[in-house]
N, C-alpha and C. Protein backbone atom coordinates (compact mmCIF):
# COMPACT_ATOMS: atom_id res chain seq x y z
N UNK A 1 65.30 161.83 76.60
CA UNK A 1 65.89 162.96 77.28
C UNK A 1 64.88 163.62 78.22
N UNK A 2 63.61 163.70 77.80
CA UNK A 2 62.62 164.34 78.66
C UNK A 2 62.32 163.51 79.90
N UNK A 3 62.43 162.19 79.79
CA UNK A 3 62.20 161.35 80.97
C UNK A 3 63.25 161.63 82.04
N UNK A 4 64.48 161.90 81.61
CA UNK A 4 65.53 162.23 82.56
C UNK A 4 65.36 163.64 83.12
N UNK A 5 64.73 164.53 82.35
CA UNK A 5 64.47 165.88 82.85
C UNK A 5 63.48 165.85 84.00
N UNK A 6 62.59 164.86 84.02
CA UNK A 6 61.65 164.71 85.13
C UNK A 6 62.44 164.50 86.43
N UNK A 7 63.49 163.69 86.38
CA UNK A 7 64.34 163.50 87.56
C UNK A 7 65.17 164.73 87.86
N UNK A 8 65.65 165.40 86.80
CA UNK A 8 66.50 166.58 86.98
C UNK A 8 65.74 167.70 87.69
N UNK A 9 64.48 167.92 87.30
CA UNK A 9 63.68 168.96 87.93
C UNK A 9 63.02 168.50 89.23
N UNK A 10 63.28 167.26 89.61
CA UNK A 10 62.84 166.67 90.88
C UNK A 10 61.32 166.73 91.07
N UNK A 11 60.58 166.32 90.02
CA UNK A 11 59.14 166.19 90.17
C UNK A 11 58.86 164.97 91.04
N UNK A 12 57.81 165.02 91.84
CA UNK A 12 57.49 163.94 92.76
C UNK A 12 56.04 163.50 92.59
N UNK A 13 55.74 162.30 93.02
CA UNK A 13 54.37 161.81 93.10
C UNK A 13 53.76 161.49 91.75
N UNK A 14 52.44 161.76 91.67
CA UNK A 14 51.69 161.42 90.47
C UNK A 14 52.16 162.20 89.26
N UNK A 15 52.56 163.46 89.46
CA UNK A 15 53.04 164.26 88.33
C UNK A 15 54.25 163.62 87.69
N UNK A 16 55.17 163.12 88.50
CA UNK A 16 56.38 162.47 87.97
C UNK A 16 56.02 161.25 87.12
N UNK A 17 55.17 160.39 87.67
CA UNK A 17 54.83 159.17 86.94
C UNK A 17 53.99 159.46 85.71
N UNK A 18 53.12 160.46 85.81
CA UNK A 18 52.33 160.85 84.65
C UNK A 18 53.25 161.34 83.52
N UNK A 19 54.21 162.20 83.85
CA UNK A 19 55.12 162.71 82.82
C UNK A 19 55.99 161.60 82.24
N UNK A 20 56.48 160.69 83.07
CA UNK A 20 57.30 159.60 82.56
C UNK A 20 56.50 158.73 81.59
N UNK A 21 55.26 158.41 81.93
CA UNK A 21 54.43 157.58 81.06
C UNK A 21 54.10 158.32 79.77
N UNK A 22 53.79 159.61 79.86
CA UNK A 22 53.48 160.39 78.65
C UNK A 22 54.69 160.42 77.72
N UNK A 23 55.87 160.71 78.27
CA UNK A 23 57.06 160.77 77.42
C UNK A 23 57.40 159.39 76.85
N UNK A 24 57.17 158.33 77.61
CA UNK A 24 57.42 156.98 77.11
C UNK A 24 56.49 156.66 75.95
N UNK A 25 55.21 157.03 76.06
CA UNK A 25 54.26 156.77 74.98
C UNK A 25 54.58 157.62 73.74
N UNK A 26 55.00 158.86 73.94
CA UNK A 26 55.38 159.70 72.81
C UNK A 26 56.60 159.13 72.09
N UNK A 27 57.56 158.64 72.85
CA UNK A 27 58.75 158.03 72.24
C UNK A 27 58.38 156.77 71.47
N UNK A 28 57.50 155.95 72.04
CA UNK A 28 57.06 154.74 71.34
C UNK A 28 56.30 155.10 70.08
N UNK A 29 55.47 156.13 70.14
CA UNK A 29 54.74 156.57 68.95
C UNK A 29 55.67 157.07 67.86
N UNK A 30 56.71 157.79 68.24
CA UNK A 30 57.69 158.27 67.25
C UNK A 30 58.42 157.10 66.61
N UNK A 31 58.79 156.11 67.41
CA UNK A 31 59.47 154.94 66.86
C UNK A 31 58.57 154.21 65.88
N UNK A 32 57.30 154.02 66.25
CA UNK A 32 56.36 153.34 65.35
C UNK A 32 56.15 154.15 64.08
N UNK A 33 56.01 155.47 64.21
CA UNK A 33 55.72 156.32 63.05
C UNK A 33 56.88 156.36 62.07
N UNK A 34 58.09 156.49 62.56
CA UNK A 34 59.23 156.68 61.66
C UNK A 34 59.86 155.36 61.26
N UNK A 35 60.28 154.57 62.22
CA UNK A 35 61.05 153.38 61.90
C UNK A 35 60.21 152.23 61.36
N UNK A 36 58.91 152.22 61.68
CA UNK A 36 58.04 151.19 61.12
C UNK A 36 57.26 151.74 59.93
N UNK A 37 57.59 152.94 59.51
CA UNK A 37 57.02 153.58 58.31
C UNK A 37 55.50 153.72 58.40
N UNK A 38 54.99 153.93 59.61
CA UNK A 38 53.54 154.07 59.76
C UNK A 38 53.02 155.40 59.21
N UNK A 39 53.89 156.39 59.09
CA UNK A 39 53.43 157.69 58.57
C UNK A 39 52.96 157.57 57.13
N UNK A 40 53.48 156.60 56.41
CA UNK A 40 53.19 156.50 54.99
C UNK A 40 52.18 155.40 54.68
N UNK A 41 51.59 154.80 55.70
CA UNK A 41 50.60 153.75 55.49
C UNK A 41 49.20 154.35 55.39
N UNK A 42 48.25 153.53 54.98
CA UNK A 42 46.86 153.98 54.91
C UNK A 42 46.33 154.19 56.32
N UNK A 43 45.39 155.11 56.44
CA UNK A 43 44.86 155.45 57.76
C UNK A 43 44.14 154.26 58.41
N UNK A 44 43.52 153.39 57.63
CA UNK A 44 42.84 152.23 58.20
C UNK A 44 43.84 151.33 58.93
N UNK A 45 45.02 151.14 58.35
CA UNK A 45 46.04 150.32 58.99
C UNK A 45 46.58 151.01 60.23
N UNK A 46 46.77 152.31 60.14
CA UNK A 46 47.26 153.06 61.30
C UNK A 46 46.27 152.96 62.45
N UNK A 47 44.98 153.15 62.17
CA UNK A 47 43.97 153.05 63.22
C UNK A 47 43.88 151.64 63.78
N UNK A 48 44.09 150.64 62.95
CA UNK A 48 44.05 149.26 63.42
C UNK A 48 45.16 148.98 64.41
N UNK A 49 46.30 149.60 64.24
CA UNK A 49 47.45 149.35 65.11
C UNK A 49 47.47 150.30 66.31
N UNK A 50 47.06 151.53 66.14
CA UNK A 50 47.20 152.55 67.18
C UNK A 50 46.01 152.59 68.14
N UNK A 51 44.79 152.43 67.65
CA UNK A 51 43.60 152.63 68.48
C UNK A 51 43.48 151.61 69.62
N UNK A 52 43.69 150.30 69.42
CA UNK A 52 43.54 149.37 70.56
C UNK A 52 44.44 149.67 71.76
N UNK A 53 45.75 149.93 71.59
CA UNK A 53 46.53 150.29 72.78
C UNK A 53 46.09 151.61 73.41
N UNK A 54 45.65 152.55 72.57
CA UNK A 54 45.16 153.82 73.10
C UNK A 54 43.90 153.61 73.94
N UNK A 55 43.00 152.76 73.47
CA UNK A 55 41.80 152.46 74.24
C UNK A 55 42.14 151.74 75.55
N UNK A 56 43.13 150.85 75.51
CA UNK A 56 43.55 150.20 76.74
C UNK A 56 44.06 151.21 77.76
N UNK A 57 44.81 152.20 77.31
CA UNK A 57 45.29 153.24 78.22
C UNK A 57 44.14 154.06 78.78
N UNK A 58 43.16 154.36 77.95
CA UNK A 58 42.00 155.12 78.42
C UNK A 58 41.23 154.31 79.47
N UNK A 59 41.00 153.03 79.19
CA UNK A 59 40.28 152.19 80.15
C UNK A 59 41.09 151.99 81.43
N UNK A 60 42.40 151.93 81.32
CA UNK A 60 43.25 151.83 82.51
C UNK A 60 43.11 153.09 83.37
N UNK A 61 43.08 154.24 82.72
CA UNK A 61 42.89 155.49 83.46
C UNK A 61 41.53 155.56 84.12
N UNK A 62 40.49 155.13 83.40
CA UNK A 62 39.14 155.12 83.98
C UNK A 62 39.07 154.17 85.17
N UNK A 63 39.69 153.00 85.04
CA UNK A 63 39.70 152.04 86.15
C UNK A 63 40.45 152.58 87.35
N UNK A 64 41.53 153.30 87.11
CA UNK A 64 42.29 153.90 88.21
C UNK A 64 41.46 154.94 88.94
N UNK A 65 40.79 155.79 88.18
CA UNK A 65 39.94 156.80 88.80
C UNK A 65 38.80 156.16 89.59
N UNK A 66 38.19 155.13 89.03
CA UNK A 66 37.10 154.45 89.72
C UNK A 66 37.59 153.77 91.00
N UNK A 67 38.77 153.15 90.93
CA UNK A 67 39.33 152.51 92.11
C UNK A 67 39.62 153.51 93.22
N UNK A 68 40.17 154.67 92.85
CA UNK A 68 40.42 155.71 93.85
C UNK A 68 39.11 156.20 94.46
N UNK A 69 38.09 156.36 93.63
CA UNK A 69 36.78 156.81 94.13
C UNK A 69 36.19 155.79 95.11
N UNK A 70 36.25 154.52 94.77
CA UNK A 70 35.71 153.48 95.65
C UNK A 70 36.49 153.45 96.96
N UNK A 71 37.81 153.54 96.88
CA UNK A 71 38.63 153.52 98.09
C UNK A 71 38.31 154.70 99.00
N UNK A 72 38.24 155.90 98.42
CA UNK A 72 37.95 157.08 99.23
C UNK A 72 36.54 157.04 99.81
N UNK A 73 35.58 156.53 99.04
CA UNK A 73 34.21 156.41 99.54
C UNK A 73 34.14 155.44 100.71
N UNK A 74 34.85 154.34 100.61
CA UNK A 74 34.86 153.37 101.72
C UNK A 74 35.55 153.95 102.95
N UNK A 75 36.60 154.73 102.73
CA UNK A 75 37.28 155.35 103.87
C UNK A 75 36.37 156.35 104.57
N UNK A 76 35.56 157.07 103.80
CA UNK A 76 34.66 158.06 104.40
C UNK A 76 33.54 157.39 105.17
N UNK A 77 32.89 156.40 104.57
CA UNK A 77 31.70 155.82 105.18
C UNK A 77 31.99 154.70 106.18
N UNK A 78 33.05 153.95 105.97
CA UNK A 78 33.35 152.84 106.87
C UNK A 78 34.48 153.15 107.83
N UNK A 79 35.12 154.27 107.67
CA UNK A 79 36.21 154.65 108.56
C UNK A 79 37.51 153.99 108.17
N UNK A 80 38.58 154.57 108.62
CA UNK A 80 39.90 154.03 108.31
C UNK A 80 40.34 153.03 109.35
N UNK A 81 41.56 152.57 109.19
CA UNK A 81 42.15 151.64 110.16
C UNK A 81 42.56 152.45 111.38
N UNK A 82 41.76 152.35 112.43
CA UNK A 82 42.02 153.16 113.63
C UNK A 82 42.57 152.34 114.75
């Protein structure tokens, strides 16, 4: 429902995609926690299943930021397509 509210409130750009991804991950986490009974498992098993995808998302974000930095630095020092 919250993913549709992003369209209803007409968010645009990075904010829209950020909110859609956050709500998608929260929904996936709720499904894993309740329907796969992860809430009642040992913490070691929970960390084994949850931490690797979380780290992938963190590294994806770091790579995105680094890519934007490299692109902007090249545009500043080497000039744009003129």
